[in-house]
Amino acid sequence: MFRLVSRFAAASLCLAACTPQPVRPPSRPAAPAAAQPAITEPVLTEREPDTCRLASLSALPGQPSGNLRTVRLAGPSRIIPPGGIVDQGDYNPQRINAYIDNQGIITRLECG
C-alpha cells in the first residue's frame, strides 16, 4: 500500500511540474526618482564657449605666433610652447591661450 501511495505522489509531482503556470503581466518599471538639481557652482573643467571672443580670431591657427601682436585682442593672452604645462589654478575665461608648435606656428586657440 505504501508503494502505491508513494508512486501516486511521485506521479502527481511530475505532472504538477509539467502543468503550465498562469502568465503574469510584466511589471512596470519604477517611476524615475526626481532629478537632482544641477550644481551651479563653477568648476574649473567647465568652460563657457567663446568667453574670450575666439570667433574673431579664426584665421590665426596656422599663422606664425608673431601675428598675435598684430591683432587687437579683447583681453589678456598667453603663448603656450610645445609640451608647456597649463595650470588650471589661474584659469581666466577671458584670456586667450595660443598653443604653438616647434616652428612657432599657432596650432590652436582656447579660452582660459
PDB file of N, CA and C in Angstrom:
ATOM      1  N   MET A   1       0.823  -1.188   0.000  1.00  0.00           N
ATOM      2  CA  MET A   1       0.000   0.000   0.000  1.00  0.00           C
ATOM      3  C   MET A   1       0.872   1.259   0.000  1.00  0.00           C
ATOM      4  N   PHE A   2       1.953   1.209   0.796  1.00  0.00           N
ATOM      5  CA  PHE A   2       2.846   2.360   0.870  1.00  0.00           C
ATOM      6  C   PHE A   2       3.470   2.640  -0.498  1.00  0.00           C
ATOM      7  N   ARG A   3       3.828   1.562  -1.227  1.00  0.00           N
ATOM      8  CA  ARG A   3       4.418   1.741  -2.542  1.00  0.00           C
ATOM      9  C   ARG A   3       3.441   2.399  -3.490  1.00  0.00           C
ATOM     10  N   LEU A   4       2.206   2.048  -3.421  1.00  0.00           N
ATOM     11  CA  LEU A   4       1.191   2.619  -4.302  1.00  0.00           C
ATOM     12  C   LEU A   4       1.005   4.109  -4.026  1.00  0.00           C
ATOM     13  N   VAL A   5       0.989   4.468  -2.770  1.00  0.00           N
ATOM     14  CA  VAL A   5       0.826   5.871  -2.386  1.00  0.00           C
ATOM     15  C   VAL A   5       2.059   6.666  -2.814  1.00  0.00           C
ATOM     16  N   SER A   6       3.250   6.117  -2.602  1.00  0.00           N
ATOM     17  CA  SER A   6       4.458   6.851  -2.961  1.00  0.00           C
ATOM     18  C   SER A   6       4.566   7.013  -4.478  1.00  0.00           C
ATOM     19  N   ARG A   7       4.154   5.986  -5.250  1.00  0.00           N
ATOM     20  CA  ARG A   7       4.171   6.114  -6.707  1.00  0.00           C
ATOM     21  C   ARG A   7       3.170   7.171  -7.159  1.00  0.00           C
ATOM     22  N   PHE A   8       1.992   7.187  -6.528  1.00  0.00           N
ATOM     23  CA  PHE A   8       0.971   8.174  -6.875  1.00  0.00           C
ATOM     24  C   PHE A   8       1.470   9.590  -6.554  1.00  0.00           C
ATOM     25  N   ALA A   9       2.141   9.743  -5.420  1.00  0.00           N
ATOM     26  CA  ALA A   9       2.658  11.047  -5.020  1.00  0.00           C
ATOM     27  C   ALA A   9       3.749  11.494  -5.991  1.00  0.00           C
ATOM     28  N   ALA A  10       4.637  10.569  -6.387  1.00  0.00           N
ATOM     29  CA  ALA A  10       5.696  10.917  -7.323  1.00  0.00           C
ATOM     30  C   ALA A  10       5.110  11.307  -8.675  1.00  0.00           C
ATOM     31  N   ALA A  11       4.116  10.579  -9.140  1.00  0.00           N
ATOM     32  CA  ALA A  11       3.480  10.886 -10.418  1.00  0.00           C
ATOM     33  C   ALA A  11       2.768  12.231 -10.347  1.00  0.00           C
ATOM     34  N   SER A  12       2.152  12.516  -9.232  1.00  0.00           N
ATOM     35  CA  SER A  12       1.457  13.805  -9.066  1.00  0.00           C
ATOM     36  C   SER A  12       2.441  14.959  -9.111  1.00  0.00           C
ATOM     37  N   LEU A  13       3.613  14.793  -8.490  1.00  0.00           N
ATOM     38  CA  LEU A  13       4.622  15.843  -8.502  1.00  0.00           C
ATOM     39  C   LEU A  13       5.156  16.075  -9.916  1.00  0.00           C
ATOM     40  N   CYS A  14       5.370  15.008 -10.658  1.00  0.00           N
ATOM     41  CA  CYS A  14       5.858  15.154 -12.037  1.00  0.00           C
ATOM     42  C   CYS A  14       4.847  15.881 -12.899  1.00  0.00           C
ATOM     43  N   LEU A  15       3.574  15.509 -12.754  1.00  0.00           N
ATOM     44  CA  LEU A  15       2.530  16.167 -13.540  1.00  0.00           C
ATOM     45  C   LEU A  15       2.360  17.631 -13.134  1.00  0.00           C
ATOM     46  N   ALA A  16       2.527  17.923 -11.858  1.00  0.00           N
ATOM     47  CA  ALA A  16       2.397  19.301 -11.397  1.00  0.00           C
ATOM     48  C   ALA A  16       3.511  20.161 -11.972  1.00  0.00           C
ATOM     49  N   ALA A  17       4.685  19.579 -12.155  1.00  0.00           N
ATOM     50  CA  ALA A  17       5.796  20.335 -12.718  1.00  0.00           C
ATOM     51  C   ALA A  17       5.566  20.630 -14.189  1.00  0.00           C
ATOM     52  N   CYS A  18       4.810  19.798 -14.875  1.00  0.00           N
ATOM     53  CA  CYS A  18       4.558  19.991 -16.304  1.00  0.00           C
ATOM     54  C   CYS A  18       3.355  20.870 -16.580  1.00  0.00           C
ATOM     55  N   THR A  19       2.570  21.171 -15.576  1.00  0.00           N
ATOM     56  CA  THR A  19       1.370  21.972 -15.758  1.00  0.00           C
ATOM     57  C   THR A  19       1.765  23.416 -16.029  1.00  0.00           C
ATOM     58  N   PRO A  20       1.224  24.035 -17.090  1.00  0.00           N
ATOM     59  CA  PRO A  20       1.579  25.436 -17.366  1.00  0.00           C
ATOM     60  C   PRO A  20       1.111  26.355 -16.244  1.00  0.00           C
ATOM     61  N   GLN A  21       1.951  27.266 -15.912  1.00  0.00           N
ATOM     62  CA  GLN A  21       1.639  28.240 -14.871  1.00  0.00           C
ATOM     63  C   GLN A  21       0.967  29.449 -15.518  1.00  0.00           C
ATOM     64  N   PRO A  22       0.118  30.151 -14.778  1.00  0.00           N
ATOM     65  CA  PRO A  22      -0.523  31.340 -15.350  1.00  0.00           C
ATOM     66  C   PRO A  22       0.525  32.397 -15.689  1.00  0.00           C
ATOM     67  N   VAL A  23       0.321  33.082 -16.788  1.00  0.00           N
ATOM     68  CA  VAL A  23       1.253  34.115 -17.234  1.00  0.00           C
ATOM     69  C   VAL A  23       0.909  35.418 -16.524  1.00  0.00           C
ATOM     70  N   ARG A  24       1.913  35.988 -15.899  1.00  0.00           N
ATOM     71  CA  ARG A  24       1.711  37.261 -15.204  1.00  0.00           C
ATOM     72  C   ARG A  24       2.119  38.385 -16.143  1.00  0.00           C
ATOM     73  N   PRO A  25       1.378  39.481 -16.119  1.00  0.00           N
ATOM     74  CA  PRO A  25       1.779  40.621 -16.963  1.00  0.00           C
ATOM     75  C   PRO A  25       3.112  41.158 -16.470  1.00  0.00           C
ATOM     76  N   PRO A  26       3.930  41.675 -17.402  1.00  0.00           N
ATOM     77  CA  PRO A  26       5.225  42.219 -16.972  1.00  0.00           C
ATOM     78  C   PRO A  26       5.024  43.377 -16.012  1.00  0.00           C
ATOM     79  N   SER A  27       5.902  43.439 -15.050  1.00  0.00           N
ATOM     80  CA  SER A  27       5.800  44.523 -14.075  1.00  0.00           C
ATOM     81  C   SER A  27       6.300  45.817 -14.704  1.00  0.00           C
ATOM     82  N   ARG A  28       5.708  46.892 -14.314  1.00  0.00           N
ATOM     83  CA  ARG A  28       6.110  48.209 -14.814  1.00  0.00           C
ATOM     84  C   ARG A  28       7.351  48.664 -14.070  1.00  0.00           C
ATOM     85  N   PRO A  29       8.258  49.313 -14.791  1.00  0.00           N
ATOM     86  CA  PRO A  29       9.437  49.827 -14.078  1.00  0.00           C
ATOM     87  C   PRO A  29       9.026  50.915 -13.101  1.00  0.00           C
ATOM     88  N   ALA A  30       9.790  51.009 -12.067  1.00  0.00           N
ATOM     89  CA  ALA A  30       9.506  52.028 -11.064  1.00  0.00           C
ATOM     90  C   ALA A  30       9.666  53.410 -11.678  1.00  0.00           C
ATOM     91  N   ALA A  31       8.877  54.333 -11.209  1.00  0.00           N
ATOM     92  CA  ALA A  31       8.980  55.712 -11.707  1.00  0.00           C
ATOM     93  C   ALA A  31      10.356  56.263 -11.359  1.00  0.00           C
ATOM     94  N   PRO A  32      10.965  56.992 -12.299  1.00  0.00           N
ATOM     95  CA  PRO A  32      12.291  57.537 -12.004  1.00  0.00           C
ATOM     96  C   PRO A  32      12.231  58.526 -10.849  1.00  0.00           C
ATOM     97  N   ALA A  33      13.280  58.516 -10.086  1.00  0.00           N
ATOM     98  CA  ALA A  33      13.357  59.456  -8.969  1.00  0.00           C
ATOM     99  C   ALA A  33      13.449  60.872  -9.513  1.00  0.00           C
ATOM    100  N   ALA A  34      13.032  61.800  -8.719  1.00  0.00           N
ATOM    101  CA  ALA A  34      13.092  63.198  -9.143  1.00  0.00           C
ATOM    102  C   ALA A  34      14.538  63.569  -9.453  1.00  0.00           C
ATOM    103  N   ALA A  35      14.730  64.291 -10.525  1.00  0.00           N
ATOM    104  CA  ALA A  35      16.075  64.683 -10.945  1.00  0.00           C
ATOM    105  C   ALA A  35      16.713  65.571  -9.891  1.00  0.00           C
ATOM    106  N   GLN A  36      17.987  65.329  -9.658  1.00  0.00           N
ATOM    107  CA  GLN A  36      18.724  66.138  -8.697  1.00  0.00           C
ATOM    108  C   GLN A  36      19.010  67.504  -9.325  1.00  0.00           C
ATOM    109  N   PRO A  37      18.956  68.559  -8.555  1.00  0.00           N
ATOM    110  CA  PRO A  37      19.255  69.875  -9.118  1.00  0.00           C
ATOM    111  C   PRO A  37      20.716  69.939  -9.572  1.00  0.00           C
ATOM    112  N   ALA A  38      20.930  70.637 -10.644  1.00  0.00           N
ATOM    113  CA  ALA A  38      22.283  70.771 -11.193  1.00  0.00           C
ATOM    114  C   ALA A  38      23.141  71.608 -10.252  1.00  0.00           C
ATOM    115  N   ILE A  39      24.419  71.283 -10.209  1.00  0.00           N
ATOM    116  CA  ILE A  39      25.355  72.053  -9.398  1.00  0.00           C
ATOM    117  C   ILE A  39      25.611  73.375 -10.116  1.00  0.00           C
ATOM    118  N   THR A  40      25.400  74.463  -9.415  1.00  0.00           N
ATOM    119  CA  THR A  40      25.540  75.767 -10.046  1.00  0.00           C
ATOM    120  C   THR A  40      26.885  76.430  -9.736  1.00  0.00           C
ATOM    121  N   GLU A  41      27.685  75.810  -8.876  1.00  0.00           N
ATOM    122  CA  GLU A  41      28.999  76.380  -8.576  1.00  0.00           C
ATOM    123  C   GLU A  41      29.918  76.171  -9.769  1.00  0.00           C
ATOM    124  N   PRO A  42      30.739  77.165 -10.110  1.00  0.00           N
ATOM    125  CA  PRO A  42      31.641  76.977 -11.242  1.00  0.00           C
ATOM    126  C   PRO A  42      32.697  75.911 -10.932  1.00  0.00           C
ATOM    127  N   VAL A  43      33.024  75.148 -11.924  1.00  0.00           N
ATOM    128  CA  VAL A  43      34.039  74.112 -11.813  1.00  0.00           C
ATOM    129  C   VAL A  43      35.122  74.445 -12.827  1.00  0.00           C
ATOM    130  N   LEU A  44      36.382  74.238 -12.472  1.00  0.00           N
ATOM    131  CA  LEU A  44      37.481  74.625 -13.353  1.00  0.00           C
ATOM    132  C   LEU A  44      37.443  73.918 -14.700  1.00  0.00           C
ATOM    133  N   THR A  45      36.914  72.700 -14.757  1.00  0.00           N
ATOM    134  CA  THR A  45      36.897  71.982 -16.029  1.00  0.00           C
ATOM    135  C   THR A  45      35.762  72.435 -16.933  1.00  0.00           C
ATOM    136  N   GLU A  46      34.792  73.139 -16.396  1.00  0.00           N
ATOM    137  CA  GLU A  46      33.687  73.630 -17.213  1.00  0.00           C
ATOM    138  C   GLU A  46      34.064  74.998 -17.770  1.00  0.00           C
ATOM    139  N   ARG A  47      33.940  75.136 -19.082  1.00  0.00           N
ATOM    140  CA  ARG A  47      34.293  76.405 -19.716  1.00  0.00           C
ATOM    141  C   ARG A  47      33.127  76.879 -20.546  1.00  0.00           C
ATOM    142  N   GLU A  48      32.885  78.155 -20.469  1.00  0.00           N
ATOM    143  CA  GLU A  48      31.829  78.735 -21.286  1.00  0.00           C
ATOM    144  C   GLU A  48      32.375  78.949 -22.686  1.00  0.00           C
ATOM    145  N   PRO A  49      31.574  78.701 -23.699  1.00  0.00           N
ATOM    146  CA  PRO A  49      32.072  78.860 -25.066  1.00  0.00           C
ATOM    147  C   PRO A  49      32.327  80.319 -25.415  1.00  0.00           C
ATOM    148  N   ASP A  50      33.436  80.562 -26.049  1.00  0.00           N
ATOM    149  CA  ASP A  50      33.820  81.854 -26.607  1.00  0.00           C
ATOM    150  C   ASP A  50      33.763  83.006 -25.606  1.00  0.00           C
ATOM    151  N   THR A  51      34.185  82.771 -24.391  1.00  0.00           N
ATOM    152  CA  THR A  51      34.208  83.837 -23.397  1.00  0.00           C
ATOM    153  C   THR A  51      35.319  84.840 -23.673  1.00  0.00           C
ATOM    154  N   CYS A  52      36.303  84.447 -24.500  1.00  0.00           N
ATOM    155  CA  CYS A  52      37.405  85.359 -24.817  1.00  0.00           C
ATOM    156  C   CYS A  52      37.323  85.849 -26.268  1.00  0.00           C
ATOM    157  N   ARG A  53      36.183  85.666 -26.895  1.00  0.00           N
ATOM    158  CA  ARG A  53      35.902  86.140 -28.266  1.00  0.00           C
ATOM    159  C   ARG A  53      36.846  85.522 -29.299  1.00  0.00           C
ATOM    160  N   LEU A  54      36.928  84.202 -29.285  1.00  0.00           N
ATOM    161  CA  LEU A  54      37.772  83.483 -30.235  1.00  0.00           C
ATOM    162  C   LEU A  54      37.223  83.518 -31.658  1.00  0.00           C
ATOM    163  N   ALA A  55      35.936  83.708 -31.820  1.00  0.00           N
ATOM    164  CA  ALA A  55      35.339  83.679 -33.157  1.00  0.00           C
ATOM    165  C   ALA A  55      35.988  84.700 -34.078  1.00  0.00           C
ATOM    166  N   SER A  56      36.405  85.822 -33.533  1.00  0.00           N
ATOM    167  CA  SER A  56      37.024  86.858 -34.364  1.00  0.00           C
ATOM    168  C   SER A  56      38.470  86.516 -34.740  1.00  0.00           C
ATOM    169  N   LEU A  57      39.026  85.455 -34.137  1.00  0.00           N
ATOM    170  CA  LEU A  57      40.421  85.090 -34.386  1.00  0.00           C
ATOM    171  C   LEU A  57      40.545  83.768 -35.142  1.00  0.00           C
ATOM    172  N   SER A  58      39.524  83.382 -35.851  1.00  0.00           N
ATOM    173  CA  SER A  58      39.519  82.076 -36.506  1.00  0.00           C
ATOM    174  C   SER A  58      40.588  81.934 -37.588  1.00  0.00           C
ATOM    175  N   ALA A  59      41.147  83.019 -38.084  1.00  0.00           N
ATOM    176  CA  ALA A  59      42.176  82.954 -39.129  1.00  0.00           C
ATOM    177  C   ALA A  59      43.575  82.735 -38.550  1.00  0.00           C
ATOM    178  N   LEU A  60      43.760  82.861 -37.250  1.00  0.00           N
ATOM    179  CA  LEU A  60      45.098  82.769 -36.666  1.00  0.00           C
ATOM    180  C   LEU A  60      45.708  81.364 -36.642  1.00  0.00           C
ATOM    181  N   PRO A  61      44.964  80.297 -36.368  1.00  0.00           N
ATOM    182  CA  PRO A  61      45.615  78.985 -36.394  1.00  0.00           C
ATOM    183  C   PRO A  61      46.249  78.722 -37.760  1.00  0.00           C
ATOM    184  N   GLY A  62      47.502  78.266 -37.722  1.00  0.00           N
ATOM    185  CA  GLY A  62      48.263  78.058 -38.952  1.00  0.00           C
ATOM    186  C   GLY A  62      49.186  79.219 -39.271  1.00  0.00           C
ATOM    187  N   GLN A  63      49.040  80.325 -38.566  1.00  0.00           N
ATOM    188  CA  GLN A  63      49.867  81.524 -38.772  1.00  0.00           C
ATOM    189  C   GLN A  63      51.029  81.536 -37.769  1.00  0.00           C
ATOM    190  N   PRO A  64      52.087  82.303 -38.065  1.00  0.00           N
ATOM    191  CA  PRO A  64      53.187  82.444 -37.094  1.00  0.00           C
ATOM    192  C   PRO A  64      52.692  83.110 -35.809  1.00  0.00           C
ATOM    193  N   SER A  65      53.293  82.742 -34.693  1.00  0.00           N
ATOM    194  CA  SER A  65      52.843  83.281 -33.404  1.00  0.00           C
ATOM    195  C   SER A  65      53.060  84.786 -33.310  1.00  0.00           C
ATOM    196  N   GLY A  66      53.963  85.343 -34.088  1.00  0.00           N
ATOM    197  CA  GLY A  66      54.173  86.791 -34.101  1.00  0.00           C
ATOM    198  C   GLY A  66      52.942  87.553 -34.557  1.00  0.00           C
ATOM    199  N   ASN A  67      52.047  86.911 -35.278  1.00  0.00           N
ATOM    200  CA  ASN A  67      50.826  87.575 -35.734  1.00  0.00           C
ATOM    201  C   ASN A  67      49.888  87.919 -34.578  1.00  0.00           C
ATOM    202  N   LEU A  68      50.101  87.313 -33.424  1.00  0.00           N
ATOM    203  CA  LEU A  68      49.280  87.671 -32.259  1.00  0.00           C
ATOM    204  C   LEU A  68      49.496  89.124 -31.869  1.00  0.00           C
ATOM    205  N   ARG A  69      50.697  89.668 -32.148  1.00  0.00           N
ATOM    206  CA  ARG A  69      50.984  91.066 -31.799  1.00  0.00           C
ATOM    207  C   ARG A  69      50.297  92.039 -32.744  1.00  0.00           C
ATOM    208  N   THR A  70      49.920  91.563 -33.922  1.00  0.00           N
ATOM    209  CA  THR A  70      49.296  92.464 -34.898  1.00  0.00           C
ATOM    210  C   THR A  70      47.784  92.494 -34.796  1.00  0.00           C
ATOM    211  N   VAL A  71      47.223  91.623 -33.960  1.00  0.00           N
ATOM    212  CA  VAL A  71      45.767  91.524 -33.818  1.00  0.00           C
ATOM    213  C   VAL A  71      45.354  92.168 -32.506  1.00  0.00           C
ATOM    214  N   ARG A  72      44.279  92.931 -32.566  1.00  0.00           N
ATOM    215  CA  ARG A  72      43.771  93.526 -31.335  1.00  0.00           C
ATOM    216  C   ARG A  72      42.978  92.467 -30.588  1.00  0.00           C
ATOM    217  N   LEU A  73      43.459  92.111 -29.398  1.00  0.00           N
ATOM    218  CA  LEU A  73      42.819  91.079 -28.588  1.00  0.00           C
ATOM    219  C   LEU A  73      41.887  91.721 -27.575  1.00  0.00           C
ATOM    220  N   ALA A  74      40.784  91.049 -27.280  1.00  0.00           N
ATOM    221  CA  ALA A  74      39.783  91.592 -26.366  1.00  0.00           C
ATOM    222  C   ALA A  74      40.245  91.546 -24.916  1.00  0.00           C
ATOM    223  N   GLY A  75      41.199  90.687 -24.608  1.00  0.00           N
ATOM    224  CA  GLY A  75      41.656  90.553 -23.225  1.00  0.00           C
ATOM    225  C   GLY A  75      43.077  90.053 -23.190  1.00  0.00           C
ATOM    226  N   PRO A  76      43.485  89.523 -22.039  1.00  0.00           N
ATOM    227  CA  PRO A  76      44.855  89.033 -21.908  1.00  0.00           C
ATOM    228  C   PRO A  76      45.082  87.784 -22.762  1.00  0.00           C
ATOM    229  N   SER A  77      46.360  87.477 -22.998  1.00  0.00           N
ATOM    230  CA  SER A  77      46.699  86.287 -23.772  1.00  0.00           C
ATOM    231  C   SER A  77      47.972  85.677 -23.217  1.00  0.00           C
ATOM    232  N   ARG A  78      48.220  84.434 -23.578  1.00  0.00           N
ATOM    233  CA  ARG A  78      49.483  83.789 -23.245  1.00  0.00           C
ATOM    234  C   ARG A  78      49.797  82.766 -24.332  1.00  0.00           C
ATOM    235  N   ILE A  79      51.085  82.610 -24.588  1.00  0.00           N
ATOM    236  CA  ILE A  79      51.554  81.649 -25.582  1.00  0.00           C
ATOM    237  C   ILE A  79      52.043  80.417 -24.834  1.00  0.00           C
ATOM    238  N   ILE A  80      51.572  79.265 -25.257  1.00  0.00           N
ATOM    239  CA  ILE A  80      51.943  78.011 -24.619  1.00  0.00           C
ATOM    240  C   ILE A  80      52.808  77.216 -25.598  1.00  0.00           C
ATOM    241  N   PRO A  81      54.086  77.017 -25.253  1.00  0.00           N
ATOM    242  CA  PRO A  81      55.004  76.305 -26.158  1.00  0.00           C
ATOM    243  C   PRO A  81      54.683  74.811 -26.200  1.00  0.00           C
ATOM    244  N   PRO A  82      55.295  74.080 -27.139  1.00  0.00           N
ATOM    245  CA  PRO A  82      55.073  72.630 -27.207  1.00  0.00           C
ATOM    246  C   PRO A  82      55.469  71.960 -25.888  1.00  0.00           C
ATOM    247  N   GLY A  83      54.593  71.139 -25.361  1.00  0.00           N
ATOM    248  CA  GLY A  83      54.855  70.466 -24.087  1.00  0.00           C
ATOM    249  C   GLY A  83      54.701  71.361 -22.885  1.00  0.00           C
ATOM    250  N   GLY A  84      54.246  72.594 -23.091  1.00  0.00           N
ATOM    251  CA  GLY A  84      54.072  73.529 -21.975  1.00  0.00           C
ATOM    252  C   GLY A  84      52.951  73.075 -21.060  1.00  0.00           C
ATOM    253  N   ILE A  85      53.108  73.372 -19.787  1.00  0.00           N
ATOM    254  CA  ILE A  85      52.124  72.984 -18.785  1.00  0.00           C
ATOM    255  C   ILE A  85      51.184  74.155 -18.540  1.00  0.00           C
ATOM    256  N   VAL A  86      49.899  73.877 -18.568  1.00  0.00           N
ATOM    257  CA  VAL A  86      48.879  74.899 -18.330  1.00  0.00           C
ATOM    258  C   VAL A  86      48.286  74.635 -16.957  1.00  0.00           C
ATOM    259  N   ASP A  87      48.471  75.570 -16.054  1.00  0.00           N
ATOM    260  CA  ASP A  87      47.964  75.447 -14.694  1.00  0.00           C
ATOM    261  C   ASP A  87      46.514  75.913 -14.652  1.00  0.00           C
ATOM    262  N   GLN A  88      45.611  75.021 -14.252  1.00  0.00           N
ATOM    263  CA  GLN A  88      44.199  75.382 -14.169  1.00  0.00           C
ATOM    264  C   GLN A  88      43.897  76.233 -12.939  1.00  0.00           C
ATOM    265  N   GLY A  89      44.862  76.372 -12.055  1.00  0.00           N
ATOM    266  CA  GLY A  89      44.662  77.194 -10.860  1.00  0.00           C
ATOM    267  C   GLY A  89      44.492  78.665 -11.187  1.00  0.00           C
ATOM    268  N   ASP A  90      45.087  79.115 -12.294  1.00  0.00           N
ATOM    269  CA  ASP A  90      44.943  80.526 -12.683  1.00  0.00           C
ATOM    270  C   ASP A  90      44.069  80.658 -13.930  1.00  0.00           C
ATOM    271  N   TYR A  91      43.079  79.792 -14.041  1.00  0.00           N
ATOM    272  CA  TYR A  91      42.157  79.821 -15.182  1.00  0.00           C
ATOM    273  C   TYR A  91      41.450  81.173 -15.274  1.00  0.00           C
ATOM    274  N   ASN A  92      41.458  81.759 -16.466  1.00  0.00           N
ATOM    275  CA  ASN A  92      40.810  83.035 -16.714  1.00  0.00           C
ATOM    276  C   ASN A  92      40.007  82.889 -17.999  1.00  0.00           C
ATOM    277  N   PRO A  93      38.689  82.864 -17.930  1.00  0.00           N
ATOM    278  CA  PRO A  93      37.882  82.628 -19.130  1.00  0.00           C
ATOM    279  C   PRO A  93      38.009  83.723 -20.185  1.00  0.00           C
ATOM    280  N   GLN A  94      38.504  84.909 -19.827  1.00  0.00           N
ATOM    281  CA  GLN A  94      38.666  85.977 -20.808  1.00  0.00           C
ATOM    282  C   GLN A  94      40.036  85.943 -21.498  1.00  0.00           C
ATOM    283  N   ARG A  95      40.954  85.113 -21.010  1.00  0.00           N
ATOM    284  CA  ARG A  95      42.298  85.056 -21.573  1.00  0.00           C
ATOM    285  C   ARG A  95      42.332  84.103 -22.773  1.00  0.00           C
ATOM    286  N   ILE A  96      43.134  84.447 -23.762  1.00  0.00           N
ATOM    287  CA  ILE A  96      43.332  83.612 -24.939  1.00  0.00           C
ATOM    288  C   ILE A  96      44.629  82.833 -24.761  1.00  0.00           C
ATOM    289  N   ASN A  97      44.536  81.509 -24.859  1.00  0.00           N
ATOM    290  CA  ASN A  97      45.708  80.642 -24.833  1.00  0.00           C
ATOM    291  C   ASN A  97      46.040  80.280 -26.270  1.00  0.00           C
ATOM    292  N   ALA A  98      47.238  80.616 -26.704  1.00  0.00           N
ATOM    293  CA  ALA A  98      47.695  80.282 -28.057  1.00  0.00           C
ATOM    294  C   ALA A  98      48.725  79.172 -27.941  1.00  0.00           C
ATOM    295  N   TYR A  99      48.395  78.005 -28.472  1.00  0.00           N
ATOM    296  CA  TYR A  99      49.310  76.871 -28.475  1.00  0.00           C
ATOM    297  C   TYR A  99      50.129  76.921 -29.755  1.00  0.00           C
ATOM    298  N   ILE A 100      51.468  76.805 -29.612  1.00  0.00           N
ATOM    299  CA  ILE A 100      52.328  76.855 -30.793  1.00  0.00           C
ATOM    300  C   ILE A 100      53.139  75.563 -30.895  1.00  0.00           C
ATOM    301  N   ASP A 101      53.608  75.278 -32.109  1.00  0.00           N
ATOM    302  CA  ASP A 101      54.438  74.098 -32.322  1.00  0.00           C
ATOM    303  C   ASP A 101      55.920  74.492 -32.303  1.00  0.00           C
ATOM    304  N   ASN A 102      56.788  73.565 -32.636  1.00  0.00           N
ATOM    305  CA  ASN A 102      58.245  73.817 -32.591  1.00  0.00           C
ATOM    306  C   ASN A 102      58.700  74.884 -33.580  1.00  0.00           C
ATOM    307  N   GLN A 103      57.929  75.111 -34.645  1.00  0.00           N
ATOM    308  CA  GLN A 103      58.295  76.130 -35.628  1.00  0.00           C
ATOM    309  C   GLN A 103      57.696  77.502 -35.303  1.00  0.00           C
ATOM    310  N   GLY A 104      56.977  77.619 -34.184  1.00  0.00           N
ATOM    311  CA  GLY A 104      56.374  78.890 -33.804  1.00  0.00           C
ATOM    312  C   GLY A 104      55.057  79.170 -34.513  1.00  0.00           C
ATOM    313  N   ILE A 105      54.423  78.135 -35.034  1.00  0.00           N
ATOM    314  CA  ILE A 105      53.139  78.284 -35.722  1.00  0.00           C
ATOM    315  C   ILE A 105      52.025  78.014 -34.716  1.00  0.00           C
ATOM    316  N   ILE A 106      50.999  78.847 -34.754  1.00  0.00           N
ATOM    317  CA  ILE A 106      49.844  78.680 -33.864  1.00  0.00           C
ATOM    318  C   ILE A 106      49.082  77.441 -34.308  1.00  0.00           C
ATOM    319  N   THR A 107      48.945  76.455 -33.387  1.00  0.00           N
ATOM    320  CA  THR A 107      48.217  75.239 -33.714  1.00  0.00           C
ATOM    321  C   THR A 107      46.758  75.300 -33.289  1.00  0.00           C
ATOM    322  N   ARG A 108      46.480  76.000 -32.196  1.00  0.00           N
ATOM    323  CA  ARG A 108      45.088  76.172 -31.756  1.00  0.00           C
ATOM    324  C   ARG A 108      44.992  77.304 -30.761  1.00  0.00           C
ATOM    325  N   LEU A 109      43.777  77.818 -30.616  1.00  0.00           N
ATOM    326  CA  LEU A 109      43.483  78.880 -29.658  1.00  0.00           C
ATOM    327  C   LEU A 109      42.362  78.392 -28.740  1.00  0.00           C
ATOM    328  N   GLU A 110      42.472  78.725 -27.472  1.00  0.00           N
ATOM    329  CA  GLU A 110      41.445  78.384 -26.496  1.00  0.00           C
ATOM    330  C   GLU A 110      41.276  79.519 -25.487  1.00  0.00           C
ATOM    331  N   CYS A 111      40.118  79.565 -24.894  1.00  0.00           N
ATOM    332  CA  CYS A 111      39.912  80.481 -23.771  1.00  0.00           C
ATOM    333  C   CYS A 111      40.466  79.821 -22.522  1.00  0.00           C
ATOM    334  N   GLY A 112      41.024  80.602 -21.647  1.00  0.00           N
ATOM    335  CA  GLY A 112      41.497  80.022 -20.391  1.00  0.00           C
ATOM    336  C   GLY A 112      42.640  80.734 -19.818  1.00  0.00           C
TER     337      GLY A 112
END
